[in-house]
Amino acid sequence: MYEYYELNGLIHLHERFENLKAYKKHLDFFSAEVADKFLSIFELVTLGVYGEVDKETKENLAEMNANFFSTIARYRL
């Protein structure tokens, strides 16, 4: 699920994934197909990651100065 909004001149983008496998699939696609264009348009200011991630994912996202937090809610659609 994707949501975005503008607040105080900043665009906030929220992405939610069913599990780590789905997130990794998204990250692989984003890195290969979208990242260069996206990052040429937007400046990444902060990156908050909620939920459990593996060591590899933490290391990859650390390059973007990610902050990691525990899951704040669980729900099923």
Protein backbone atom coordinates (compact mmCIF):
# COMPACT_ATOMS: atom_id res chain seq x y z
CA MET A 1 0.00 0.00 0.00
CA TYR A 2 1.29 3.46 -0.87
CA GLU A 3 0.19 6.78 0.58
CA TYR A 4 1.68 10.21 0.20
CA TYR A 5 0.87 13.74 1.26
CA GLU A 6 2.49 17.17 1.45
CA LEU A 7 3.03 18.79 4.85
CA ASN A 8 5.02 21.98 5.48
CA GLY A 9 6.64 21.83 2.04
CA LEU A 10 7.75 18.19 2.36
CA ILE A 11 6.28 15.17 0.62
CA HIS A 12 5.75 12.24 2.99
CA LEU A 13 5.66 8.84 1.29
CA HIS A 14 4.44 5.81 3.24
CA GLU A 15 4.90 2.33 1.80
CA ARG A 16 3.56 -0.77 3.51
CA PHE A 17 4.42 -4.35 2.63
CA GLU A 18 2.86 -7.63 3.68
CA ASN A 19 6.19 -9.10 4.75
CA LEU A 20 9.95 -8.87 4.27
CA LYS A 21 9.84 -10.97 1.10
CA ALA A 22 7.44 -8.49 -0.52
CA TYR A 23 9.60 -5.59 0.59
CA LYS A 24 12.75 -7.16 -0.87
CA LYS A 25 10.96 -7.72 -4.19
CA HIS A 26 9.99 -4.03 -4.21
CA LEU A 27 13.50 -2.91 -3.27
CA ASP A 28 15.08 -5.00 -6.04
CA PHE A 29 12.72 -3.48 -8.62
CA PHE A 30 13.11 0.06 -7.25
CA SER A 31 16.91 -0.19 -7.21
CA ALA A 32 17.10 -1.53 -10.77
CA GLU A 33 14.32 0.42 -12.48
CA VAL A 34 13.29 3.52 -10.54
CA ALA A 35 15.89 4.75 -8.04
CA ASP A 36 18.02 6.91 -10.34
CA LYS A 37 15.02 8.82 -11.73
CA PHE A 38 13.26 9.08 -8.35
CA LEU A 39 16.35 10.37 -6.55
CA SER A 40 17.01 12.88 -9.34
CA ILE A 41 13.61 14.43 -8.57
CA PHE A 42 13.40 14.03 -4.79
CA GLU A 43 15.89 14.47 -1.97
CA LEU A 44 15.56 11.78 0.67
CA VAL A 45 15.49 13.59 4.03
CA THR A 46 14.63 10.78 6.44
CA LEU A 47 13.82 7.11 6.16
CA GLY A 48 11.90 5.36 8.92
CA VAL A 49 11.56 1.59 8.78
CA TYR A 50 8.93 -0.06 10.99
CA GLY A 51 8.87 -3.80 11.62
CA GLU A 52 11.31 -6.64 11.64
CA VAL A 53 14.01 -6.72 8.97
CA ASP A 54 16.97 -9.03 8.48
CA LYS A 55 20.63 -8.08 8.79
CA GLU A 56 21.11 -7.75 5.00
CA THR A 57 18.20 -5.32 4.69
CA LYS A 58 19.44 -3.25 7.64
CA GLU A 59 22.88 -3.00 6.06
CA ASN A 60 21.41 -1.95 2.68
CA LEU A 61 19.15 0.68 4.21
CA ALA A 62 21.87 1.97 6.52
CA GLU A 63 23.45 3.51 3.43
CA MET A 64 20.39 5.79 3.33
CA ASN A 65 20.65 6.66 7.04
CA ALA A 66 17.53 4.66 7.87
CA ASN A 67 16.08 4.69 11.37
CA PHE A 68 14.59 1.39 12.52
CA PHE A 69 11.54 1.05 14.78
CA SER A 70 9.45 -1.84 16.04
CA THR A 71 6.10 -2.58 14.44
CA ILE A 72 3.46 -0.12 15.62
CA ALA A 73 0.37 -2.03 14.52
CA ARG A 74 -0.59 -5.28 12.88
CA TYR A 75 -3.56 -5.71 10.59
CA ARG A 76 -4.75 -7.84 7.72
CA LEU A 77 -6.69 -6.64 4.72
